[in-house]
PDB file of all heavy atoms in Angstrom:
ATOM      1  N   ILE A   1      13.036  -2.836   4.383  1.00  0.00           N
ATOM      2  CA  ILE A   1      13.012  -1.378   4.485  1.00  0.00           C
ATOM      3  C   ILE A   1      14.415  -0.829   4.723  1.00  0.00           C
ATOM      4  O   ILE A   1      14.824   0.190   4.139  1.00  0.00           O
ATOM      5  CB  ILE A   1      12.046  -0.944   5.608  1.00  0.00           C
ATOM      6  CG1 ILE A   1      10.593  -1.224   5.197  1.00  0.00           C
ATOM      7  CG2 ILE A   1      12.234   0.526   5.962  1.00  0.00           C
ATOM      8  CD1 ILE A   1       9.589  -1.028   6.313  1.00  0.00           C
ATOM      9  N   GLU A   2      15.164  -1.533   5.579  1.00  0.00           N
ATOM     10  CA  GLU A   2      16.534  -1.097   5.874  1.00  0.00           C
ATOM     11  C   GLU A   2      17.465  -1.340   4.691  1.00  0.00           C
ATOM     12  O   GLU A   2      18.327  -0.513   4.379  1.00  0.00           O
ATOM     13  CB  GLU A   2      17.042  -1.849   7.108  1.00  0.00           C
ATOM     14  CG  GLU A   2      18.442  -1.428   7.534  1.00  0.00           C
ATOM     15  CD  GLU A   2      18.907  -2.155   8.788  1.00  0.00           C
ATOM     16  OE1 GLU A   2      18.096  -2.849   9.419  1.00  0.00           O
ATOM     17  OE2 GLU A   2      20.104  -2.023   9.113  1.00  0.00           O
ATOM     18  N   LYS A   3      17.280  -2.458   4.015  1.00  0.00           N
ATOM     19  CA  LYS A   3      18.168  -2.855   2.916  1.00  0.00           C
ATOM     20  C   LYS A   3      17.946  -2.007   1.667  1.00  0.00           C
ATOM     21  O   LYS A   3      18.876  -1.791   0.875  1.00  0.00           O
ATOM     22  CB  LYS A   3      17.944  -4.335   2.601  1.00  0.00           C
ATOM     23  CG  LYS A   3      19.002  -4.960   1.707  1.00  0.00           C
ATOM     24  CD  LYS A   3      18.790  -6.468   1.641  1.00  0.00           C
ATOM     25  CE  LYS A   3      19.832  -7.146   0.751  1.00  0.00           C
ATOM     26  NZ  LYS A   3      19.627  -8.611   0.704  1.00  0.00           N
ATOM     27  N   TYR A   4      16.715  -1.542   1.484  1.00  0.00           N
ATOM     28  CA  TYR A   4      16.383  -0.771   0.275  1.00  0.00           C
ATOM     29  C   TYR A   4      15.810   0.586   0.677  1.00  0.00           C
ATOM     30  O   TYR A   4      14.596   0.811   0.627  1.00  0.00           O
ATOM     31  CB  TYR A   4      15.395  -1.554  -0.598  1.00  0.00           C
ATOM     32  CG  TYR A   4      15.932  -2.901  -1.007  1.00  0.00           C
ATOM     33  CD1 TYR A   4      15.550  -4.057  -0.331  1.00  0.00           C
ATOM     34  CD2 TYR A   4      16.866  -3.015  -2.043  1.00  0.00           C
ATOM     35  CE1 TYR A   4      16.078  -5.295  -0.684  1.00  0.00           C
ATOM     36  CE2 TYR A   4      17.391  -4.247  -2.404  1.00  0.00           C
ATOM     37  CZ  TYR A   4      16.998  -5.382  -1.712  1.00  0.00           C
ATOM     38  OH  TYR A   4      17.535  -6.604  -2.064  1.00  0.00           O
ATOM     39  N   PRO A   5      16.689   1.521   1.092  1.00  0.00           N
ATOM     40  CA  PRO A   5      16.227   2.833   1.546  1.00  0.00           C
ATOM     41  C   PRO A   5      15.486   3.619   0.460  1.00  0.00           C
ATOM     42  O   PRO A   5      14.726   4.537   0.771  1.00  0.00           O
ATOM     43  CB  PRO A   5      17.522   3.543   1.961  1.00  0.00           C
ATOM     44  CG  PRO A   5      18.621   2.795   1.271  1.00  0.00           C
ATOM     45  CD  PRO A   5      18.152   1.389   1.170  1.00  0.00           C
ATOM     46  N   GLU A   6      15.691   3.237  -0.804  1.00  0.00           N
ATOM     47  CA  GLU A   6      14.997   3.916  -1.905  1.00  0.00           C
ATOM     48  C   GLU A   6      13.474   3.760  -1.795  1.00  0.00           C
ATOM     49  O   GLU A   6      12.708   4.549  -2.378  1.00  0.00           O
ATOM     50  CB  GLU A   6      15.447   3.367  -3.264  1.00  0.00           C
ATOM     51  CG  GLU A   6      16.944   3.478  -3.528  1.00  0.00           C
ATOM     52  CD  GLU A   6      17.691   2.204  -3.138  1.00  0.00           C
ATOM     53  OE1 GLU A   6      17.316   1.559  -2.136  1.00  0.00           O
ATOM     54  OE2 GLU A   6      18.642   1.857  -3.855  1.00  0.00           O
ATOM     55  N   LEU A   7      13.035   2.758  -1.075  1.00  0.00           N
ATOM     56  CA  LEU A   7      11.597   2.548  -0.892  1.00  0.00           C
ATOM     57  C   LEU A   7      10.965   3.633  -0.029  1.00  0.00           C
ATOM     58  O   LEU A   7       9.766   3.893  -0.139  1.00  0.00           O
ATOM     59  CB  LEU A   7      11.330   1.187  -0.241  1.00  0.00           C
ATOM     60  CG  LEU A   7      11.669  -0.074  -1.035  1.00  0.00           C
ATOM     61  CD1 LEU A   7      11.480  -1.309  -0.158  1.00  0.00           C
ATOM     62  CD2 LEU A   7      10.811  -0.180  -2.288  1.00  0.00           C
ATOM     63  N   ASN A   8      11.797   4.250   0.841  1.00  0.00           N
ATOM     64  CA  ASN A   8      11.229   5.130   1.870  1.00  0.00           C
ATOM     65  C   ASN A   8      10.082   4.390   2.557  1.00  0.00           C
ATOM     66  O   ASN A   8       8.981   4.921   2.730  1.00  0.00           O
ATOM     67  CB  ASN A   8      10.727   6.450   1.271  1.00  0.00           C
ATOM     68  CG  ASN A   8      11.874   7.343   0.811  1.00  0.00           C
ATOM     69  OD1 ASN A   8      12.825   7.518   1.554  1.00  0.00           O
ATOM     70  ND2 ASN A   8      11.785   7.844  -0.399  1.00  0.00           N
ATOM     71  N   GLY A   9      10.360   3.158   2.922  1.00  0.00           N
ATOM     72  CA  GLY A   9       9.316   2.258   3.386  1.00  0.00           C
ATOM     73  C   GLY A   9       8.889   2.456   4.826  1.00  0.00           C
ATOM     74  O   GLY A   9       9.657   2.938   5.665  1.00  0.00           O
ATOM     75  N   GLU A  10       7.645   2.076   5.090  1.00  0.00           N
ATOM     76  CA  GLU A  10       7.079   2.095   6.444  1.00  0.00           C
ATOM     77  C   GLU A  10       6.365   0.777   6.688  1.00  0.00           C
ATOM     78  O   GLU A  10       5.534   0.347   5.882  1.00  0.00           O
ATOM     79  CB  GLU A  10       6.092   3.253   6.584  1.00  0.00           C
ATOM     80  CG  GLU A  10       5.408   3.298   7.951  1.00  0.00           C
ATOM     81  CD  GLU A  10       4.260   4.299   8.008  1.00  0.00           C
ATOM     82  OE1 GLU A  10       4.066   5.054   7.041  1.00  0.00           O
ATOM     83  OE2 GLU A  10       3.523   4.291   9.016  1.00  0.00           O
ATOM     84  N   ALA A  11       6.712   0.113   7.782  1.00  0.00           N
ATOM     85  CA  ALA A  11       6.073  -1.152   8.138  1.00  0.00           C
ATOM     86  C   ALA A  11       4.714  -0.879   8.758  1.00  0.00           C
ATOM     87  O   ALA A  11       4.577  -0.002   9.614  1.00  0.00           O
ATOM     88  CB  ALA A  11       6.945  -1.927   9.119  1.00  0.00           C
ATOM     89  N   ARG A  12       3.716  -1.645   8.331  1.00  0.00           N
ATOM     90  CA  ARG A  12       2.361  -1.465   8.851  1.00  0.00           C
ATOM     91  C   ARG A  12       1.716  -2.805   9.166  1.00  0.00           C
ATOM     92  O   ARG A  12       2.088  -3.839   8.602  1.00  0.00           O
ATOM     93  CB  ARG A  12       1.493  -0.712   7.833  1.00  0.00           C
ATOM     94  CG  ARG A  12       1.914   0.732   7.599  1.00  0.00           C
ATOM     95  CD  ARG A  12       0.947   1.433   6.689  1.00  0.00           C
ATOM     96  NE  ARG A  12       1.321   2.809   6.412  1.00  0.00           N
ATOM     97  CZ  ARG A  12       0.672   3.606   5.580  1.00  0.00           C
ATOM     98  NH1 ARG A  12      -0.410   3.154   4.940  1.00  0.00           N
ATOM     99  NH2 ARG A  12       1.073   4.836   5.374  1.00  0.00           N
ATOM    100  N   GLY A  13       0.693  -2.752  10.039  1.00  0.00           N
ATOM    101  CA  GLY A  13      -0.138  -3.922  10.304  1.00  0.00           C
ATOM    102  C   GLY A  13       0.337  -4.753  11.471  1.00  0.00           C
ATOM    103  O   GLY A  13       1.275  -4.402  12.199  1.00  0.00           O
ATOM    104  N   ARG A  14      -0.327  -5.901  11.650  1.00  0.00           N
ATOM    105  CA  ARG A  14       0.057  -6.857  12.683  1.00  0.00           C
ATOM    106  C   ARG A  14      -0.413  -8.256  12.300  1.00  0.00           C
ATOM    107  O   ARG A  14      -1.264  -8.430  11.438  1.00  0.00           O
ATOM    108  CB  ARG A  14      -0.468  -6.443  14.058  1.00  0.00           C
ATOM    109  CG  ARG A  14      -1.954  -6.230  14.185  1.00  0.00           C
ATOM    110  CD  ARG A  14      -2.300  -5.588  15.533  1.00  0.00           C
ATOM    111  NE  ARG A  14      -3.704  -5.262  15.661  1.00  0.00           N
ATOM    112  CZ  ARG A  14      -4.610  -6.033  16.254  1.00  0.00           C
ATOM    113  NH1 ARG A  14      -4.251  -7.198  16.783  1.00  0.00           N
ATOM    114  NH2 ARG A  14      -5.881  -5.652  16.332  1.00  0.00           N
ATOM    115  N   GLY A  15       0.159  -9.264  12.976  1.00  0.00           N
ATOM    116  CA  GLY A  15      -0.160 -10.653  12.657  1.00  0.00           C
ATOM    117  C   GLY A  15       0.238 -10.985  11.233  1.00  0.00           C
ATOM    118  O   GLY A  15       1.323 -10.619  10.775  1.00  0.00           O
ATOM    119  N   LEU A  16      -0.643 -11.669  10.518  1.00  0.00           N
ATOM    120  CA  LEU A  16      -0.399 -11.956   9.102  1.00  0.00           C
ATOM    121  C   LEU A  16      -1.262 -11.040   8.233  1.00  0.00           C
ATOM    122  O   LEU A  16      -1.808 -11.440   7.214  1.00  0.00           O
ATOM    123  CB  LEU A  16      -0.669 -13.437   8.795  1.00  0.00           C
ATOM    124  CG  LEU A  16       0.431 -14.380   9.287  1.00  0.00           C
ATOM    125  CD1 LEU A  16       0.082 -15.833   8.988  1.00  0.00           C
ATOM    126  CD2 LEU A  16       1.787 -14.027   8.681  1.00  0.00           C
ATOM    127  N   MET A  17      -1.343  -9.794   8.686  1.00  0.00           N
ATOM    128  CA  MET A  17      -2.000  -8.718   7.942  1.00  0.00           C
ATOM    129  C   MET A  17      -1.068  -7.509   8.015  1.00  0.00           C
ATOM    130  O   MET A  17      -1.239  -6.612   8.834  1.00  0.00           O
ATOM    131  CB  MET A  17      -3.360  -8.405   8.568  1.00  0.00           C
ATOM    132  CG  MET A  17      -4.210  -7.421   7.785  1.00  0.00           C
ATOM    133  SD  MET A  17      -5.819  -7.205   8.600  1.00  0.00           S
ATOM    134  CE  MET A  17      -6.650  -6.137   7.417  1.00  0.00           C
ATOM    135  N   GLN A  18      -0.041  -7.543   7.168  1.00  0.00           N
ATOM    136  CA  GLN A  18       0.982  -6.521   7.219  1.00  0.00           C
ATOM    137  C   GLN A  18       1.251  -5.958   5.832  1.00  0.00           C
ATOM    138  O   GLN A  18       0.738  -6.454   4.827  1.00  0.00           O
ATOM    139  CB  GLN A  18       2.276  -7.091   7.817  1.00  0.00           C
ATOM    140  CG  GLN A  18       2.119  -7.568   9.253  1.00  0.00           C
ATOM    141  CD  GLN A  18       3.438  -7.878   9.924  1.00  0.00           C
ATOM    142  OE1 GLN A  18       4.374  -7.092   9.891  1.00  0.00           O
ATOM    143  NE2 GLN A  18       3.503  -9.049  10.552  1.00  0.00           N
ATOM    144  N   GLY A  19       2.073  -4.907   5.786  1.00  0.00           N
ATOM    145  CA  GLY A  19       2.392  -4.300   4.508  1.00  0.00           C
ATOM    146  C   GLY A  19       3.573  -3.373   4.600  1.00  0.00           C
ATOM    147  O   GLY A  19       4.036  -3.022   5.688  1.00  0.00           O
ATOM    148  N   ILE A  20       4.070  -2.972   3.428  1.00  0.00           N
ATOM    149  CA  ILE A  20       5.122  -1.970   3.318  1.00  0.00           C
ATOM    150  C   ILE A  20       4.552  -0.792   2.546  1.00  0.00           C
ATOM    151  O   ILE A  20       4.196  -0.925   1.368  1.00  0.00           O
ATOM    152  CB  ILE A  20       6.364  -2.501   2.576  1.00  0.00           C
ATOM    153  CG1 ILE A  20       6.897  -3.784   3.218  1.00  0.00           C
ATOM    154  CG2 ILE A  20       7.460  -1.429   2.528  1.00  0.00           C
ATOM    155  CD1 ILE A  20       8.051  -4.416   2.447  1.00  0.00           C
ATOM    156  N   ALA A  21       4.444   0.354   3.199  1.00  0.00           N
ATOM    157  CA  ALA A  21       4.029   1.573   2.510  1.00  0.00           C
ATOM    158  C   ALA A  21       5.263   2.196   1.865  1.00  0.00           C
ATOM    159  O   ALA A  21       6.286   2.365   2.526  1.00  0.00           O
ATOM    160  CB  ALA A  21       3.399   2.541   3.495  1.00  0.00           C
ATOM    161  N   VAL A  22       5.177   2.515   0.582  1.00  0.00           N
ATOM    162  CA  VAL A  22       6.303   3.118  -0.131  1.00  0.00           C
ATOM    163  C   VAL A  22       5.903   4.501  -0.630  1.00  0.00           C
ATOM    164  O   VAL A  22       4.743   4.734  -0.986  1.00  0.00           O
ATOM    165  CB  VAL A  22       6.791   2.230  -1.294  1.00  0.00           C
ATOM    166  CG1 VAL A  22       7.298   0.901  -0.770  1.00  0.00           C
ATOM    167  CG2 VAL A  22       5.686   1.987  -2.313  1.00  0.00           C
ATOM    168  N   GLU A  23       6.865   5.400  -0.655  1.00  0.00           N
ATOM    169  CA  GLU A  23       6.553   6.804  -0.901  1.00  0.00           C
ATOM    170  C   GLU A  23       6.327   7.127  -2.371  1.00  0.00           C
ATOM    171  O   GLU A  23       5.426   7.878  -2.721  1.00  0.00           O
ATOM    172  CB  GLU A  23       7.688   7.669  -0.344  1.00  0.00           C
ATOM    173  CG  GLU A  23       7.340   9.130  -0.200  1.00  0.00           C
ATOM    174  CD  GLU A  23       8.389   9.879   0.594  1.00  0.00           C
ATOM    175  OE1 GLU A  23       8.308   9.868   1.837  1.00  0.00           O
ATOM    176  OE2 GLU A  23       9.286  10.455  -0.044  1.00  0.00           O
ATOM    177  N   LYS A  24       7.144   6.562  -3.259  1.00  0.00           N
ATOM    178  CA  LYS A  24       7.093   6.942  -4.675  1.00  0.00           C
ATOM    179  C   LYS A  24       5.804   6.451  -5.328  1.00  0.00           C
ATOM    180  O   LYS A  24       5.424   5.286  -5.209  1.00  0.00           O
ATOM    181  CB  LYS A  24       8.298   6.369  -5.410  1.00  0.00           C
ATOM    182  CG  LYS A  24       8.360   6.763  -6.878  1.00  0.00           C
ATOM    183  CD  LYS A  24       9.571   6.144  -7.563  1.00  0.00           C
ATOM    184  CE  LYS A  24       9.569   6.454  -9.055  1.00  0.00           C
ATOM    185  NZ  LYS A  24      10.694   5.794  -9.755  1.00  0.00           N
ATOM    186  N   GLU A  25       5.131   7.342  -6.035  1.00  0.00           N
ATOM    187  CA  GLU A  25       3.876   7.008  -6.694  1.00  0.00           C
ATOM    188  C   GLU A  25       4.067   5.887  -7.718  1.00  0.00           C
ATOM    189  O   GLU A  25       4.981   5.929  -8.554  1.00  0.00           O
ATOM    190  CB  GLU A  25       3.304   8.234  -7.396  1.00  0.00           C
ATOM    191  CG  GLU A  25       1.947   8.004  -8.029  1.00  0.00           C
ATOM    192  CD  GLU A  25       1.380   9.250  -8.684  1.00  0.00           C
ATOM    193  OE1 GLU A  25       1.964  10.339  -8.498  1.00  0.00           O
ATOM    194  OE2 GLU A  25       0.347   9.132  -9.372  1.00  0.00           O
ATOM    195  N   GLY A  26       3.227   4.866  -7.640  1.00  0.00           N
ATOM    196  CA  GLY A  26       3.257   3.770  -8.601  1.00  0.00           C
ATOM    197  C   GLY A  26       4.254   2.670  -8.294  1.00  0.00           C
ATOM    198  O   GLY A  26       4.212   1.608  -8.924  1.00  0.00           O
ATOM    199  N   LEU A  27       5.127   2.896  -7.319  1.00  0.00           N
ATOM    200  CA  LEU A  27       6.189   1.915  -7.049  1.00  0.00           C
ATOM    201  C   LEU A  27       5.637   0.609  -6.485  1.00  0.00           C
ATOM    202  O   LEU A  27       6.064  -0.483  -6.882  1.00  0.00           O
ATOM    203  CB  LEU A  27       7.217   2.513  -6.091  1.00  0.00           C
ATOM    204  CG  LEU A  27       8.434   1.643  -5.766  1.00  0.00           C
ATOM    205  CD1 LEU A  27       9.182   1.222  -7.028  1.00  0.00           C
ATOM    206  CD2 LEU A  27       9.377   2.375  -4.806  1.00  0.00           C
ATOM    207  N   ALA A  28       4.668   0.700  -5.581  1.00  0.00           N
ATOM    208  CA  ALA A  28       4.096  -0.523  -5.001  1.00  0.00           C
ATOM    209  C   ALA A  28       3.435  -1.369  -6.086  1.00  0.00           C
ATOM    210  O   ALA A  28       3.574  -2.602  -6.090  1.00  0.00           O
ATOM    211  CB  ALA A  28       3.078  -0.167  -3.919  1.00  0.00           C
ATOM    212  N   SER A  29       2.741  -0.729  -7.014  1.00  0.00           N
ATOM    213  CA  SER A  29       2.099  -1.464  -8.112  1.00  0.00           C
ATOM    214  C   SER A  29       3.128  -2.136  -9.012  1.00  0.00           C
ATOM    215  O   SER A  29       2.926  -3.271  -9.463  1.00  0.00           O
ATOM    216  CB  SER A  29       1.223  -0.513  -8.937  1.00  0.00           C
ATOM    217  OG  SER A  29       0.152  -0.014  -8.159  1.00  0.00           O
ATOM    218  N   GLU A  30       4.239  -1.447  -9.270  1.00  0.00           N
ATOM    219  CA  GLU A  30       5.306  -2.030 -10.091  1.00  0.00           C
ATOM    220  C   GLU A  30       5.900  -3.263  -9.407  1.00  0.00           C
ATOM    221  O   GLU A  30       6.168  -4.273 -10.060  1.00  0.00           O
ATOM    222  CB  GLU A  30       6.409  -1.001 -10.336  1.00  0.00           C
ATOM    223  CG  GLU A  30       6.026   0.129 -11.266  1.00  0.00           C
ATOM    224  CD  GLU A  30       7.190   1.088 -11.472  1.00  0.00           C
ATOM    225  OE1 GLU A  30       8.320   0.614 -11.724  1.00  0.00           O
ATOM    226  OE2 GLU A  30       6.976   2.310 -11.353  1.00  0.00           O
ATOM    227  N   ILE A  31       6.105  -3.169  -8.106  1.00  0.00           N
ATOM    228  CA  ILE A  31       6.665  -4.293  -7.351  1.00  0.00           C
ATOM    229  C   ILE A  31       5.722  -5.494  -7.406  1.00  0.00           C
ATOM    230  O   ILE A  31       6.146  -6.638  -7.638  1.00  0.00           O
ATOM    231  CB  ILE A  31       6.952  -3.879  -5.895  1.00  0.00           C
ATOM    232  CG1 ILE A  31       8.097  -2.867  -5.855  1.00  0.00           C
ATOM    233  CG2 ILE A  31       7.279  -5.102  -5.032  1.00  0.00           C
ATOM    234  CD1 ILE A  31       8.273  -2.180  -4.506  1.00  0.00           C
ATOM    235  N   CYS A  32       4.428  -5.254  -7.209  1.00  0.00           N
ATOM    236  CA  CYS A  32       3.449  -6.348  -7.230  1.00  0.00           C
ATOM    237  C   CYS A  32       3.338  -6.977  -8.615  1.00  0.00           C
ATOM    238  O   CYS A  32       3.160  -8.194  -8.742  1.00  0.00           O
ATOM    239  CB  CYS A  32       2.090  -5.848  -6.750  1.00  0.00           C
ATOM    240  SG  CYS A  32       2.044  -5.443  -4.985  1.00  0.00           S
ATOM    241  N   ALA A  33       3.438  -6.157  -9.663  1.00  0.00           N
ATOM    242  CA  ALA A  33       3.375  -6.684 -11.032  1.00  0.00           C
ATOM    243  C   ALA A  33       4.578  -7.568 -11.321  1.00  0.00           C
ATOM    244  O   ALA A  33       4.445  -8.641 -11.929  1.00  0.00           O
ATOM    245  CB  ALA A  33       3.312  -5.531 -12.026  1.00  0.00           C
ATOM    246  N   GLU A  34       5.747  -7.147 -10.884  1.00  0.00           N
ATOM    247  CA  GLU A  34       6.944  -7.950 -11.101  1.00  0.00           C
ATOM    248  C   GLU A  34       6.903  -9.225 -10.264  1.00  0.00           C
ATOM    249  O   GLU A  34       7.354 -10.289 -10.700  1.00  0.00           O
ATOM    250  CB  GLU A  34       8.198  -7.134 -10.766  1.00  0.00           C
ATOM    251  CG  GLU A  34       9.509  -7.872 -10.985  1.00  0.00           C
ATOM    252  CD  GLU A  34       9.711  -8.386 -12.413  1.00  0.00           C
ATOM    253  OE1 GLU A  34       9.172  -7.765 -13.357  1.00  0.00           O
ATOM    254  OE2 GLU A  34      10.405  -9.414 -12.578  1.00  0.00           O
ATOM    255  N   ALA A  35       6.330  -9.117  -9.059  1.00  0.00           N
ATOM    256  CA  ALA A  35       6.196 -10.305  -8.211  1.00  0.00           C
ATOM    257  C   ALA A  35       5.333 -11.357  -8.896  1.00  0.00           C
ATOM    258  O   ALA A  35       5.639 -12.561  -8.849  1.00  0.00           O
ATOM    259  CB  ALA A  35       5.587  -9.913  -6.867  1.00  0.00           C
ATOM    260  N   PHE A  36       4.268 -10.925  -9.543  1.00  0.00           N
ATOM    261  CA  PHE A  36       3.428 -11.863 -10.297  1.00  0.00           C
ATOM    262  C   PHE A  36       4.233 -12.570 -11.380  1.00  0.00           C
ATOM    263  O   PHE A  36       4.124 -13.794 -11.555  1.00  0.00           O
ATOM    264  CB  PHE A  36       2.248 -11.123 -10.916  1.00  0.00           C
ATOM    265  CG  PHE A  36       1.467 -11.950 -11.906  1.00  0.00           C
ATOM    266  CD1 PHE A  36       0.595 -12.942 -11.470  1.00  0.00           C
ATOM    267  CD2 PHE A  36       1.638 -11.770 -13.272  1.00  0.00           C
ATOM    268  CE1 PHE A  36      -0.101 -13.731 -12.377  1.00  0.00           C
ATOM    269  CE2 PHE A  36       0.946 -12.547 -14.189  1.00  0.00           C
ATOM    270  CZ  PHE A  36       0.074 -13.532 -13.743  1.00  0.00           C
ATOM    271  N   ASN A  37       5.045 -11.835 -12.103  1.00  0.00           N
ATOM    272  CA  ASN A  37       5.880 -12.437 -13.154  1.00  0.00           C
ATOM    273  C   ASN A  37       6.796 -13.511 -12.591  1.00  0.00           C
ATOM    274  O   ASN A  37       7.127 -14.477 -13.287  1.00  0.00           O
ATOM    275  CB  ASN A  37       6.721 -11.363 -13.850  1.00  0.00           C
ATOM    276  CG  ASN A  37       5.877 -10.372 -14.637  1.00  0.00           C
ATOM    277  OD1 ASN A  37       4.765 -10.698 -15.063  1.00  0.00           O
ATOM    278  ND2 ASN A  37       6.380  -9.162 -14.819  1.00  0.00           N
ATOM    279  N   ARG A  38       7.192 -13.348 -11.335  1.00  0.00           N
ATOM    280  CA  ARG A  38       8.138 -14.272 -10.712  1.00  0.00           C
ATOM    281  C   ARG A  38       7.454 -15.399  -9.929  1.00  0.00           C
ATOM    282  O   ARG A  38       8.129 -16.260  -9.376  1.00  0.00           O
ATOM    283  CB  ARG A  38       9.093 -13.502  -9.792  1.00  0.00           C
ATOM    284  CG  ARG A  38      10.005 -12.541 -10.567  1.00  0.00           C
ATOM    285  CD  ARG A  38      10.808 -11.651  -9.636  1.00  0.00           C
ATOM    286  NE  ARG A  38      11.616 -10.717 -10.407  1.00  0.00           N
ATOM    287  CZ  ARG A  38      12.878 -10.944 -10.788  1.00  0.00           C
ATOM    288  NH1 ARG A  38      13.485 -12.079 -10.446  1.00  0.00           N
ATOM    289  NH2 ARG A  38      13.536 -10.044 -11.490  1.00  0.00           N
ATOM    290  N   GLY A  39       6.101 -15.332  -9.843  1.00  0.00           N
ATOM    291  CA  GLY A  39       5.382 -16.422  -9.187  1.00  0.00           C
ATOM    292  C   GLY A  39       4.904 -16.126  -7.783  1.00  0.00           C
ATOM    293  O   GLY A  39       4.754 -17.036  -6.964  1.00  0.00           O
ATOM    294  N   LEU A  40       4.623 -14.857  -7.498  1.00  0.00           N
ATOM    295  CA  LEU A  40       4.082 -14.471  -6.203  1.00  0.00           C
ATOM    296  C   LEU A  40       2.829 -13.633  -6.414  1.00  0.00           C
ATOM    297  O   LEU A  40       2.856 -12.639  -7.144  1.00  0.00           O
ATOM    298  CB  LEU A  40       5.112 -13.657  -5.407  1.00  0.00           C
ATOM    299  CG  LEU A  40       4.642 -13.115  -4.047  1.00  0.00           C
ATOM    300  CD1 LEU A  40       4.411 -14.255  -3.048  1.00  0.00           C
ATOM    301  CD2 LEU A  40       5.657 -12.109  -3.484  1.00  0.00           C
ATOM    302  N   ILE A  41       1.742 -14.036  -5.774  1.00  0.00           N
ATOM    303  CA  ILE A  41       0.496 -13.280  -5.832  1.00  0.00           C
ATOM    304  C   ILE A  41       0.438 -12.360  -4.625  1.00  0.00           C
ATOM    305  O   ILE A  41       0.323 -12.804  -3.480  1.00  0.00           O
ATOM    306  CB  ILE A  41      -0.734 -14.216  -5.829  1.00  0.00           C
ATOM    307  CG1 ILE A  41      -0.656 -15.220  -6.973  1.00  0.00           C
ATOM    308  CG2 ILE A  41      -2.024 -13.407  -5.890  1.00  0.00           C
ATOM    309  CD1 ILE A  41      -0.773 -14.616  -8.344  1.00  0.00           C
ATOM    310  N   VAL A  42       0.547 -11.048  -4.879  1.00  0.00           N
ATOM    311  CA  VAL A  42       0.501 -10.060  -3.806  1.00  0.00           C
ATOM    312  C   VAL A  42      -0.134  -8.798  -4.377  1.00  0.00           C
ATOM    313  O   VAL A  42       0.093  -8.462  -5.542  1.00  0.00           O
ATOM    314  CB  VAL A  42       1.915  -9.798  -3.229  1.00  0.00           C
ATOM    315  CG1 VAL A  42       2.862  -9.226  -4.279  1.00  0.00           C
ATOM    316  CG2 VAL A  42       1.865  -8.903  -2.000  1.00  0.00           C
ATOM    317  N   GLU A  43      -0.945  -8.122  -3.579  1.00  0.00           N
ATOM    318  CA  GLU A  43      -1.667  -6.953  -4.094  1.00  0.00           C
ATOM    319  C   GLU A  43      -1.262  -5.683  -3.364  1.00  0.00           C
ATOM    320  O   GLU A  43      -0.564  -5.705  -2.346  1.00  0.00           O
ATOM    321  CB  GLU A  43      -3.178  -7.157  -3.983  1.00  0.00           C
ATOM    322  CG  GLU A  43      -3.725  -7.100  -2.575  1.00  0.00           C
ATOM    323  CD  GLU A  43      -5.241  -6.914  -2.531  1.00  0.00           C
ATOM    324  OE1 GLU A  43      -5.820  -6.409  -3.508  1.00  0.00           O
ATOM    325  OE2 GLU A  43      -5.830  -7.266  -1.494  1.00  0.00           O
ATOM    326  N   THR A  44      -1.761  -4.555  -3.883  1.00  0.00           N
ATOM    327  CA  THR A  44      -1.539  -3.269  -3.243  1.00  0.00           C
ATOM    328  C   THR A  44      -2.742  -2.899  -2.386  1.00  0.00           C
ATOM    329  O   THR A  44      -3.814  -3.489  -2.491  1.00  0.00           O
ATOM    330  CB  THR A  44      -1.313  -2.154  -4.285  1.00  0.00           C
ATOM    331  OG1 THR A  44      -2.466  -2.076  -5.143  1.00  0.00           O
ATOM    332  CG2 THR A  44      -0.061  -2.413  -5.104  1.00  0.00           C
ATOM    333  N   SER A  45      -2.542  -1.893  -1.553  1.00  0.00           N
ATOM    334  CA  SER A  45      -3.594  -1.388  -0.672  1.00  0.00           C
ATOM    335  C   SER A  45      -3.356   0.099  -0.474  1.00  0.00           C
ATOM    336  O   SER A  45      -2.301   0.632  -0.822  1.00  0.00           O
ATOM    337  CB  SER A  45      -3.546  -2.135   0.663  1.00  0.00           C
ATOM    338  OG  SER A  45      -4.465  -1.600   1.588  1.00  0.00           O
TER     339      SER A  45
END
């Protein structure tokens, strides 16, 4: 969140149930889609 201020990110959750809320519409989905291409399975919420 600090390194990429463009995210306008907010840390959420606790334990191993956490997330980054991002302000720009569609950005979280784009990040998750690219993560899949690179070998990471992660979803949006």
